[in-house]
C-alpha atoms as a PDB file:
ATOM      1  CA  UNK A   1      91.220 148.313 164.898  1.00  0.00           C
ATOM      2  CA  UNK A   2      91.384 145.462 167.398  1.00  0.00           C
ATOM      3  CA  UNK A   3      94.233 143.973 165.351  1.00  0.00           C
ATOM      4  CA  UNK A   4      96.335 147.114 165.865  1.00  0.00           C
ATOM      5  CA  UNK A   5      95.554 147.001 169.581  1.00  0.00           C
ATOM      6  CA  UNK A   6      97.077 143.519 169.743  1.00  0.00           C
ATOM      7  CA  UNK A   7     100.052 144.563 167.623  1.00  0.00           C
ATOM      8  CA  UNK A   8     100.609 147.546 169.903  1.00  0.00           C
ATOM      9  CA  UNK A   9     100.660 145.285 172.952  1.00  0.00           C
ATOM     10  CA  UNK A  10     103.422 143.223 171.335  1.00  0.00           C
ATOM     11  CA  UNK A  11     105.513 146.314 170.692  1.00  0.00           C
ATOM     12  CA  UNK A  12     105.080 148.246 173.931  1.00  0.00           C
ATOM     13  CA  UNK A  13     105.336 147.470 177.628  1.00  0.00           C
ATOM     14  CA  UNK A  14     102.039 148.857 178.888  1.00  0.00           C
ATOM     15  CA  UNK A  15     103.316 148.802 182.474  1.00  0.00           C
ATOM     16  CA  UNK A  16     105.838 151.460 181.521  1.00  0.00           C
ATOM     17  CA  UNK A  17     104.372 154.971 181.474  1.00  0.00           C
ATOM     18  CA  UNK A  18     106.397 156.097 178.448  1.00  0.00           C
ATOM     19  CA  UNK A  19     105.631 152.900 176.531  1.00  0.00           C
ATOM     20  CA  UNK A  20     101.939 153.231 177.375  1.00  0.00           C
ATOM     21  CA  UNK A  21     101.956 156.733 175.913  1.00  0.00           C
ATOM     22  CA  UNK A  22     103.522 155.400 172.702  1.00  0.00           C
ATOM     23  CA  UNK A  23     100.895 152.683 172.546  1.00  0.00           C
ATOM     24  CA  UNK A  24      98.097 155.263 172.784  1.00  0.00           C
ATOM     25  CA  UNK A  25      99.712 157.453 170.123  1.00  0.00           C
ATOM     26  CA  UNK A  26     100.099 154.416 167.845  1.00  0.00           C
ATOM     27  CA  UNK A  27      96.413 153.569 168.205  1.00  0.00           C
ATOM     28  CA  UNK A  28      95.403 157.156 167.447  1.00  0.00           C
ATOM     29  CA  UNK A  29      97.596 157.310 164.347  1.00  0.00           C
ATOM     30  CA  UNK A  30      96.212 154.011 163.092  1.00  0.00           C
ATOM     31  CA  UNK A  31      92.710 155.457 163.467  1.00  0.00           C
ATOM     32  CA  UNK A  32      93.743 158.601 161.596  1.00  0.00           C
ATOM     33  CA  UNK A  33      95.162 156.677 158.624  1.00  0.00           C
ATOM     34  CA  UNK A  34      92.890 153.650 158.083  1.00  0.00           C
ATOM     35  CA  UNK A  35      93.585 153.336 154.344  1.00  0.00           C
ATOM     36  CA  UNK A  36      97.362 153.475 154.753  1.00  0.00           C
ATOM     37  CA  UNK A  37      97.241 150.995 157.614  1.00  0.00           C
ATOM     38  CA  UNK A  38      95.133 148.599 155.533  1.00  0.00           C
ATOM     39  CA  UNK A  39      97.703 148.902 152.770  1.00  0.00           C
ATOM     40  CA  UNK A  40     100.596 147.874 154.997  1.00  0.00           C
ATOM     41  CA  UNK A  41      98.474 145.176 156.654  1.00  0.00           C
ATOM     42  CA  UNK A  42      97.600 143.733 153.247  1.00  0.00           C
ATOM     43  CA  UNK A  43     101.267 143.780 152.256  1.00  0.00           C
ATOM     44  CA  UNK A  44     102.336 141.742 155.286  1.00  0.00           C
ATOM     45  CA  UNK A  45      99.237 139.565 155.664  1.00  0.00           C
ATOM     46  CA  UNK A  46      98.906 138.406 152.053  1.00  0.00           C
ATOM     47  CA  UNK A  47     102.411 136.967 151.733  1.00  0.00           C
ATOM     48  CA  UNK A  48     103.558 134.041 153.873  1.00  0.00           C
ATOM     49  CA  UNK A  49     107.155 135.247 154.211  1.00  0.00           C
ATOM     50  CA  UNK A  50     106.186 138.836 155.002  1.00  0.00           C
ATOM     51  CA  UNK A  51     103.634 137.579 157.520  1.00  0.00           C
ATOM     52  CA  UNK A  52     106.449 135.769 159.329  1.00  0.00           C
ATOM     53  CA  UNK A  53     108.514 138.972 159.343  1.00  0.00           C
ATOM     54  CA  UNK A  54     105.631 140.992 160.794  1.00  0.00           C
ATOM     55  CA  UNK A  55     104.974 138.360 163.450  1.00  0.00           C
ATOM     56  CA  UNK A  56     108.528 138.428 164.789  1.00  0.00           C
ATOM     57  CA  UNK A  57     109.043 142.138 164.108  1.00  0.00           C
ATOM     58  CA  UNK A  58     105.670 143.921 164.570  1.00  0.00           C
ATOM     59  CA  UNK A  59     107.331 147.354 164.425  1.00  0.00           C
ATOM     60  CA  UNK A  60     106.799 147.280 160.648  1.00  0.00           C
ATOM     61  CA  UNK A  61     103.294 148.510 161.509  1.00  0.00           C
ATOM     62  CA  UNK A  62     104.568 151.306 163.730  1.00  0.00           C
ATOM     63  CA  UNK A  63     107.362 152.715 161.552  1.00  0.00           C
ATOM     64  CA  UNK A  64     105.162 154.406 158.899  1.00  0.00           C
ATOM     65  CA  UNK A  65     103.152 156.146 161.630  1.00  0.00           C
ATOM     66  CA  UNK A  66     106.154 157.975 163.117  1.00  0.00           C
ATOM     67  CA  UNK A  67     108.453 160.737 161.808  1.00  0.00           C
ATOM     68  CA  UNK A  68     111.346 158.382 161.059  1.00  0.00           C
ATOM     69  CA  UNK A  69     114.052 157.888 158.391  1.00  0.00           C
ATOM     70  CA  UNK A  70     114.659 161.519 157.357  1.00  0.00           C
ATOM     71  CA  UNK A  71     113.531 165.059 157.955  1.00  0.00           C
ATOM     72  CA  UNK A  72     109.973 165.820 156.802  1.00  0.00           C
ATOM     73  CA  UNK A  73     109.319 162.255 155.629  1.00  0.00           C
ATOM     74  CA  UNK A  74     105.640 161.612 154.981  1.00  0.00           C
ATOM     75  CA  UNK A  75     103.457 158.713 156.073  1.00  0.00           C
ATOM     76  CA  UNK A  76     103.229 157.538 152.457  1.00  0.00           C
ATOM     77  CA  UNK A  77     107.007 157.741 151.921  1.00  0.00           C
ATOM     78  CA  UNK A  78     107.712 155.711 155.049  1.00  0.00           C
ATOM     79  CA  UNK A  79     105.103 153.154 154.048  1.00  0.00           C
ATOM     80  CA  UNK A  80     106.727 152.765 150.631  1.00  0.00           C
ATOM     81  CA  UNK A  81     110.196 152.466 152.162  1.00  0.00           C
ATOM     82  CA  UNK A  82     109.084 149.624 154.427  1.00  0.00           C
ATOM     83  CA  UNK A  83     107.377 147.788 151.555  1.00  0.00           C
ATOM     84  CA  UNK A  84     110.206 148.271 149.064  1.00  0.00           C
ATOM     85  CA  UNK A  85     112.909 147.341 151.568  1.00  0.00           C
ATOM     86  CA  UNK A  86     111.140 144.091 152.444  1.00  0.00           C
ATOM     87  CA  UNK A  87     110.381 143.273 148.814  1.00  0.00           C
ATOM     88  CA  UNK A  88     113.998 143.832 147.780  1.00  0.00           C
ATOM     89  CA  UNK A  89     115.493 141.769 150.595  1.00  0.00           C
ATOM     90  CA  UNK A  90     113.008 138.941 149.985  1.00  0.00           C
ATOM     91  CA  UNK A  91     114.087 138.872 146.333  1.00  0.00           C
ATOM     92  CA  UNK A  92     117.797 138.773 147.199  1.00  0.00           C
ATOM     93  CA  UNK A  93     118.228 136.805 150.428  1.00  0.00           C
ATOM     94  CA  UNK A  94     117.622 133.212 151.400  1.00  0.00           C
ATOM     95  CA  UNK A  95     114.378 132.984 153.335  1.00  0.00           C
ATOM     96  CA  UNK A  96     115.902 131.855 156.638  1.00  0.00           C
ATOM     97  CA  UNK A  97     118.650 134.484 156.507  1.00  0.00           C
ATOM     98  CA  UNK A  98     116.039 137.156 155.787  1.00  0.00           C
ATOM     99  CA  UNK A  99     114.019 135.996 158.779  1.00  0.00           C
ATOM    100  CA  UNK A 100     117.141 135.800 160.940  1.00  0.00           C
ATOM    101  CA  UNK A 101     117.995 139.448 160.351  1.00  0.00           C
ATOM    102  CA  UNK A 102     114.614 140.574 161.685  1.00  0.00           C
ATOM    103  CA  UNK A 103     114.983 138.278 164.662  1.00  0.00           C
ATOM    104  CA  UNK A 104     118.238 139.947 165.828  1.00  0.00           C
ATOM    105  CA  UNK A 105     120.483 137.185 164.447  1.00  0.00           C
ATOM    106  CA  UNK A 106     123.559 138.821 162.951  1.00  0.00           C
ATOM    107  CA  UNK A 107     125.357 137.669 159.813  1.00  0.00           C
ATOM    108  CA  UNK A 108     129.129 137.902 160.126  1.00  0.00           C
ATOM    109  CA  UNK A 109     130.776 139.642 157.175  1.00  0.00           C
ATOM    110  CA  UNK A 110     134.406 139.701 158.348  1.00  0.00           C
ATOM    111  CA  UNK A 111     136.294 138.849 161.507  1.00  0.00           C
ATOM    112  CA  UNK A 112     139.817 139.560 162.759  1.00  0.00           C
ATOM    113  CA  UNK A 113     140.824 137.148 165.496  1.00  0.00           C
ATOM    114  CA  UNK A 114     143.152 138.600 168.098  1.00  0.00           C
ATOM    115  CA  UNK A 115     142.978 139.175 171.867  1.00  0.00           C
ATOM    116  CA  UNK A 116     139.912 141.337 171.212  1.00  0.00           C
ATOM    117  CA  UNK A 117     138.015 139.952 168.197  1.00  0.00           C
ATOM    118  CA  UNK A 118     137.066 142.650 165.699  1.00  0.00           C
ATOM    119  CA  UNK A 119     134.239 141.969 163.295  1.00  0.00           C
ATOM    120  CA  UNK A 120     131.813 143.437 160.805  1.00  0.00           C
ATOM    121  CA  UNK A 121     128.266 142.103 160.768  1.00  0.00           C
ATOM    122  CA  UNK A 122     124.959 142.633 159.034  1.00  0.00           C
ATOM    123  CA  UNK A 123     122.427 143.127 161.829  1.00  0.00           C
ATOM    124  CA  UNK A 124     119.214 144.792 162.896  1.00  0.00           C
ATOM    125  CA  UNK A 125     117.606 145.777 166.166  1.00  0.00           C
ATOM    126  CA  UNK A 126     114.313 147.508 166.943  1.00  0.00           C
ATOM    127  CA  UNK A 127     116.260 150.374 168.504  1.00  0.00           C
ATOM    128  CA  UNK A 128     117.616 151.263 165.060  1.00  0.00           C
ATOM    129  CA  UNK A 129     114.193 151.706 163.451  1.00  0.00           C
ATOM    130  CA  UNK A 130     114.249 155.497 163.678  1.00  0.00           C
ATOM    131  CA  UNK A 131     116.998 155.653 161.064  1.00  0.00           C
ATOM    132  CA  UNK A 132     116.611 152.549 158.951  1.00  0.00           C
ATOM    133  CA  UNK A 133     115.656 148.925 158.440  1.00  0.00           C
ATOM    134  CA  UNK A 134     119.053 147.224 158.497  1.00  0.00           C
ATOM    135  CA  UNK A 135     122.569 147.990 159.679  1.00  0.00           C
ATOM    136  CA  UNK A 136     126.213 147.104 159.349  1.00  0.00           C
ATOM    137  CA  UNK A 137     127.978 147.021 162.700  1.00  0.00           C
ATOM    138  CA  UNK A 138     131.626 147.110 163.664  1.00  0.00           C
ATOM    139  CA  UNK A 139     132.065 145.175 166.902  1.00  0.00           C
ATOM    140  CA  UNK A 140     134.956 144.803 169.294  1.00  0.00           C
ATOM    141  CA  UNK A 141     134.520 141.772 171.563  1.00  0.00           C
ATOM    142  CA  UNK A 142     130.758 141.809 170.841  1.00  0.00           C
ATOM    143  CA  UNK A 143     130.418 145.488 171.755  1.00  0.00           C
ATOM    144  CA  UNK A 144     129.080 147.661 168.924  1.00  0.00           C
ATOM    145  CA  UNK A 145     131.488 150.547 168.401  1.00  0.00           C
ATOM    146  CA  UNK A 146     130.254 151.812 165.021  1.00  0.00           C
ATOM    147  CA  UNK A 147     127.183 151.227 162.915  1.00  0.00           C
ATOM    148  CA  UNK A 148     125.751 152.332 159.621  1.00  0.00           C
ATOM    149  CA  UNK A 149     121.956 152.206 159.600  1.00  0.00           C
ATOM    150  CA  UNK A 150     120.176 152.099 156.245  1.00  0.00           C
ATOM    151  CA  UNK A 151     117.234 150.951 154.155  1.00  0.00           C
ATOM    152  CA  UNK A 152     116.874 149.922 150.520  1.00  0.00           C
ATOM    153  CA  UNK A 153     114.310 151.459 148.186  1.00  0.00           C
ATOM    154  CA  UNK A 154     114.062 152.923 144.711  1.00  0.00           C
ATOM    155  CA  UNK A 155     115.174 156.457 143.830  1.00  0.00           C
ATOM    156  CA  UNK A 156     113.142 158.894 141.749  1.00  0.00           C
ATOM    157  CA  UNK A 157     114.404 157.196 138.560  1.00  0.00           C
ATOM    158  CA  UNK A 158     113.158 153.818 139.749  1.00  0.00           C
ATOM    159  CA  UNK A 159     116.638 152.414 140.439  1.00  0.00           C
ATOM    160  CA  UNK A 160     117.401 150.449 143.593  1.00  0.00           C
ATOM    161  CA  UNK A 161     119.510 152.351 146.079  1.00  0.00           C
ATOM    162  CA  UNK A 162     120.896 151.964 149.576  1.00  0.00           C
ATOM    163  CA  UNK A 163     119.926 154.927 151.767  1.00  0.00           C
ATOM    164  CA  UNK A 164     121.984 155.677 154.886  1.00  0.00           C
ATOM    165  CA  UNK A 165     119.825 157.130 157.646  1.00  0.00           C
ATOM    166  CA  UNK A 166     122.557 157.451 160.265  1.00  0.00           C
ATOM    167  CA  UNK A 167     126.157 156.667 161.117  1.00  0.00           C
ATOM    168  CA  UNK A 168     126.655 156.135 164.828  1.00  0.00           C
ATOM    169  CA  UNK A 169     129.851 155.866 166.843  1.00  0.00           C
ATOM    170  CA  UNK A 170     130.503 154.451 170.314  1.00  0.00           C
ATOM    171  CA  UNK A 171     128.723 155.786 173.387  1.00  0.00           C
ATOM    172  CA  UNK A 172     130.750 154.123 176.158  1.00  0.00           C
ATOM    173  CA  UNK A 173     132.765 156.148 178.673  1.00  0.00           C
ATOM    174  CA  UNK A 174     136.131 155.170 177.177  1.00  0.00           C
ATOM    175  CA  UNK A 175     134.999 155.632 173.581  1.00  0.00           C
ATOM    176  CA  UNK A 176     137.999 157.713 172.529  1.00  0.00           C
ATOM    177  CA  UNK A 177     140.470 155.148 173.845  1.00  0.00           C
ATOM    178  CA  UNK A 178     138.593 152.269 172.176  1.00  0.00           C
ATOM    179  CA  UNK A 179     138.481 154.030 168.810  1.00  0.00           C
ATOM    180  CA  UNK A 180     142.174 154.853 169.043  1.00  0.00           C
ATOM    181  CA  UNK A 181     142.992 151.198 169.766  1.00  0.00           C
ATOM    182  CA  UNK A 182     140.883 149.904 166.870  1.00  0.00           C
ATOM    183  CA  UNK A 183     142.298 152.517 164.491  1.00  0.00           C
ATOM    184  CA  UNK A 184     145.820 151.392 165.338  1.00  0.00           C
ATOM    185  CA  UNK A 185     144.886 147.771 164.664  1.00  0.00           C
ATOM    186  CA  UNK A 186     143.496 148.823 161.293  1.00  0.00           C
ATOM    187  CA  UNK A 187     146.776 150.489 160.277  1.00  0.00           C
ATOM    188  CA  UNK A 188     145.592 154.053 160.974  1.00  0.00           C
ATOM    189  CA  UNK A 189     142.370 153.505 159.003  1.00  0.00           C
ATOM    190  CA  UNK A 190     139.572 155.376 160.774  1.00  0.00           C
ATOM    191  CA  UNK A 191     136.618 153.396 162.080  1.00  0.00           C
ATOM    192  CA  UNK A 192     134.040 155.567 160.322  1.00  0.00           C
ATOM    193  CA  UNK A 193     135.847 155.026 157.025  1.00  0.00           C
ATOM    194  CA  UNK A 194     135.881 151.295 157.716  1.00  0.00           C
ATOM    195  CA  UNK A 195     132.141 151.122 158.371  1.00  0.00           C
ATOM    196  CA  UNK A 196     131.445 153.111 155.200  1.00  0.00           C
ATOM    197  CA  UNK A 197     133.808 150.891 153.199  1.00  0.00           C
ATOM    198  CA  UNK A 198     131.917 147.812 154.418  1.00  0.00           C
ATOM    199  CA  UNK A 199     128.613 149.455 153.496  1.00  0.00           C
ATOM    200  CA  UNK A 200     129.874 150.120 149.977  1.00  0.00           C
ATOM    201  CA  UNK A 201     130.904 146.491 149.584  1.00  0.00           C
ATOM    202  CA  UNK A 202     127.541 145.229 150.835  1.00  0.00           C
ATOM    203  CA  UNK A 203     125.786 147.598 148.417  1.00  0.00           C
ATOM    204  CA  UNK A 204     127.779 146.150 145.525  1.00  0.00           C
ATOM    205  CA  UNK A 205     127.039 142.595 146.658  1.00  0.00           C
ATOM    206  CA  UNK A 206     123.324 143.435 146.623  1.00  0.00           C
ATOM    207  CA  UNK A 207     123.749 145.017 143.183  1.00  0.00           C
ATOM    208  CA  UNK A 208     122.134 148.337 144.076  1.00  0.00           C
ATOM    209  CA  UNK A 209     122.948 151.195 141.729  1.00  0.00           C
ATOM    210  CA  UNK A 210     123.356 154.088 144.165  1.00  0.00           C
ATOM    211  CA  UNK A 211     124.202 154.974 147.747  1.00  0.00           C
ATOM    212  CA  UNK A 212     122.542 158.020 149.298  1.00  0.00           C
ATOM    213  CA  UNK A 213     123.145 159.374 152.788  1.00  0.00           C
ATOM    214  CA  UNK A 214     121.240 161.862 154.918  1.00  0.00           C
ATOM    215  CA  UNK A 215     122.837 165.237 155.485  1.00  0.00           C
ATOM    216  CA  UNK A 216     122.774 167.120 158.772  1.00  0.00           C
ATOM    217  CA  UNK A 217     119.607 168.815 157.542  1.00  0.00           C
ATOM    218  CA  UNK A 218     118.131 165.528 156.373  1.00  0.00           C
ATOM    219  CA  UNK A 219     118.661 163.667 159.652  1.00  0.00           C
ATOM    220  CA  UNK A 220     115.318 162.387 160.952  1.00  0.00           C
ATOM    221  CA  UNK A 221     115.690 164.140 164.320  1.00  0.00           C
ATOM    222  CA  UNK A 222     115.468 167.502 162.567  1.00  0.00           C
ATOM    223  CA  UNK A 223     111.727 166.808 162.722  1.00  0.00           C
ATOM    224  CA  UNK A 224     111.990 167.521 166.443  1.00  0.00           C
ATOM    225  CA  UNK A 225     113.006 170.686 168.263  1.00  0.00           C
ATOM    226  CA  UNK A 226     115.056 169.248 171.105  1.00  0.00           C
ATOM    227  CA  UNK A 227     118.455 170.256 172.405  1.00  0.00           C
ATOM    228  CA  UNK A 228     119.572 166.660 172.974  1.00  0.00           C
ATOM    229  CA  UNK A 229     119.033 165.799 169.301  1.00  0.00           C
ATOM    230  CA  UNK A 230     122.220 167.571 168.221  1.00  0.00           C
ATOM    231  CA  UNK A 231     124.620 165.514 166.119  1.00  0.00           C
ATOM    232  CA  UNK A 232     127.923 164.559 167.720  1.00  0.00           C
ATOM    233  CA  UNK A 233     129.634 164.608 164.325  1.00  0.00           C
ATOM    234  CA  UNK A 234     128.744 166.251 161.035  1.00  0.00           C
ATOM    235  CA  UNK A 235     127.345 163.807 158.496  1.00  0.00           C
ATOM    236  CA  UNK A 236     127.620 166.350 155.697  1.00  0.00           C
ATOM    237  CA  UNK A 237     131.320 167.066 156.294  1.00  0.00           C
ATOM    238  CA  UNK A 238     132.155 163.362 156.224  1.00  0.00           C
ATOM    239  CA  UNK A 239     130.114 162.672 153.081  1.00  0.00           C
ATOM    240  CA  UNK A 240     131.975 165.487 151.314  1.00  0.00           C
ATOM    241  CA  UNK A 241     135.303 164.158 152.556  1.00  0.00           C
ATOM    242  CA  UNK A 242     134.697 160.697 151.073  1.00  0.00           C
ATOM    243  CA  UNK A 243     133.759 162.036 147.652  1.00  0.00           C
ATOM    244  CA  UNK A 244     130.006 162.467 148.021  1.00  0.00           C
ATOM    245  CA  UNK A 245     128.010 164.961 145.981  1.00  0.00           C
ATOM    246  CA  UNK A 246     125.034 166.978 147.153  1.00  0.00           C
ATOM    247  CA  UNK A 247     121.672 166.044 145.645  1.00  0.00           C
ATOM    248  CA  UNK A 248     118.948 168.351 144.421  1.00  0.00           C
ATOM    249  CA  UNK A 249     117.103 167.268 147.563  1.00  0.00           C
ATOM    250  CA  UNK A 250     119.279 168.913 150.224  1.00  0.00           C
ATOM    251  CA  UNK A 251     118.421 166.166 152.685  1.00  0.00           C
ATOM    252  CA  UNK A 252     120.744 163.756 150.860  1.00  0.00           C
ATOM    253  CA  UNK A 253     124.219 163.287 149.411  1.00  0.00           C
ATOM    254  CA  UNK A 254     125.048 160.650 146.807  1.00  0.00           C
ATOM    255  CA  UNK A 255     128.139 158.661 147.783  1.00  0.00           C
ATOM    256  CA  UNK A 256     130.473 156.678 145.525  1.00  0.00           C
ATOM    257  CA  UNK A 257     129.915 152.918 145.381  1.00  0.00           C
ATOM    258  CA  UNK A 258     133.664 152.334 145.642  1.00  0.00           C
ATOM    259  CA  UNK A 259     136.168 154.010 147.937  1.00  0.00           C
ATOM    260  CA  UNK A 260     138.916 155.858 146.100  1.00  0.00           C
ATOM    261  CA  UNK A 261     142.359 154.717 147.223  1.00  0.00           C
ATOM    262  CA  UNK A 262     145.387 156.943 147.280  1.00  0.00           C
ATOM    263  CA  UNK A 263     148.057 155.578 144.889  1.00  0.00           C
ATOM    264  CA  UNK A 264     150.922 154.149 146.911  1.00  0.00           C
ATOM    265  CA  UNK A 265     153.314 156.356 144.901  1.00  0.00           C
ATOM    266  CA  UNK A 266     151.606 159.420 146.355  1.00  0.00           C
ATOM    267  CA  UNK A 267     152.107 158.231 149.929  1.00  0.00           C
ATOM    268  CA  UNK A 268     155.185 159.550 151.810  1.00  0.00           C
ATOM    269  CA  UNK A 269     157.889 156.895 152.106  1.00  0.00           C
ATOM    270  CA  UNK A 270     157.600 156.702 155.882  1.00  0.00           C
ATOM    271  CA  UNK A 271     153.908 155.769 155.607  1.00  0.00           C
ATOM    272  CA  UNK A 272     153.982 153.359 152.672  1.00  0.00           C
ATOM    273  CA  UNK A 273     154.399 150.181 154.717  1.00  0.00           C
ATOM    274  CA  UNK A 274     151.372 151.098 156.810  1.00  0.00           C
ATOM    275  CA  UNK A 275     149.308 151.893 153.714  1.00  0.00           C
ATOM    276  CA  UNK A 276     150.246 148.580 152.129  1.00  0.00           C
ATOM    277  CA  UNK A 277     149.108 146.718 155.244  1.00  0.00           C
ATOM    278  CA  UNK A 278     145.904 148.768 155.269  1.00  0.00           C
ATOM    279  CA  UNK A 279     145.165 147.987 151.626  1.00  0.00           C
ATOM    280  CA  UNK A 280     145.861 144.292 152.235  1.00  0.00           C
ATOM    281  CA  UNK A 281     143.395 144.368 155.126  1.00  0.00           C
ATOM    282  CA  UNK A 282     140.752 146.093 152.961  1.00  0.00           C
ATOM    283  CA  UNK A 283     141.268 143.514 150.209  1.00  0.00           C
ATOM    284  CA  UNK A 284     140.714 140.766 152.783  1.00  0.00           C
ATOM    285  CA  UNK A 285     137.586 142.524 154.043  1.00  0.00           C
ATOM    286  CA  UNK A 286     136.228 142.886 150.502  1.00  0.00           C
ATOM    287  CA  UNK A 287     136.798 139.214 149.764  1.00  0.00           C
ATOM    288  CA  UNK A 288     135.213 138.150 153.074  1.00  0.00           C
ATOM    289  CA  UNK A 289     132.144 140.332 152.504  1.00  0.00           C
ATOM    290  CA  UNK A 290     131.650 138.963 148.986  1.00  0.00           C
ATOM    291  CA  UNK A 291     131.901 135.366 150.244  1.00  0.00           C
ATOM    292  CA  UNK A 292     129.645 135.849 153.264  1.00  0.00           C
ATOM    293  CA  UNK A 293     127.045 137.845 151.354  1.00  0.00           C
ATOM    294  CA  UNK A 294     126.970 135.086 148.739  1.00  0.00           C
ATOM    295  CA  UNK A 295     126.212 132.588 151.519  1.00  0.00           C
ATOM    296  CA  UNK A 296     123.035 134.420 152.552  1.00  0.00           C
ATOM    297  CA  UNK A 297     121.864 135.338 149.059  1.00  0.00           C
ATOM    298  CA  UNK A 298     119.763 133.344 146.641  1.00  0.00           C
ATOM    299  CA  UNK A 299     121.682 131.530 143.917  1.00  0.00           C
END
């Protein structure tokens, strides 16, 4: 148990009352689940690459102990998600790029250079661990304005899938104005559609077979009864809008791997020029994502 005490000290600021409380809870949960904790410790300790990941990102020990990822997730399910996500990424990504992602070093997927650079990046931060183990971010001048947070693990049929734990928009005071400005730059293509489109392209680059996304009911915060946990936007409504289908498990929707485009012939004449520019932009994004994902993936 002394090992978990040291890990806890790396994760939490013990001079902060709230962080100290989390440290104590972590220690108690480790004591309550010794077999599960040994399992995750063995996973990270017995592999040189995984040991490096755990050293720079010790939260891999904490995540299974907390009610993260989706509503009513179990300790065992979270443990398996962490293990499978790491195993999959290690099998797909170059070692240094894999390590970079868990050391807060983003991987640029696409960039539009103008007065305010707009870019898509593969990235991860400890603050996203409640909803996933990796993210795709849309940034405007290095400010995150949208992000899709996800993990990768097998579905019930044993097929690899990308699981979206949350889609988050901007939280700054002028969020509406920023989103409006970015949407105009993207030829009236909404930012949440753009971040989903990028996620679909990354999923295809990684050769996963499915994309699942949490519903309003499936959102991890439904584990908690707190007024401030309310969703700002409806996940379920958006997943339906983009062609998703409800799963037998009502916590998830299955989303298409490819966005369905409206035929240009079906677009009103006054909007066709804008749609053509939008489709050209999306084609450029797709090409950029394929190229940049290839750079960080094993040959």
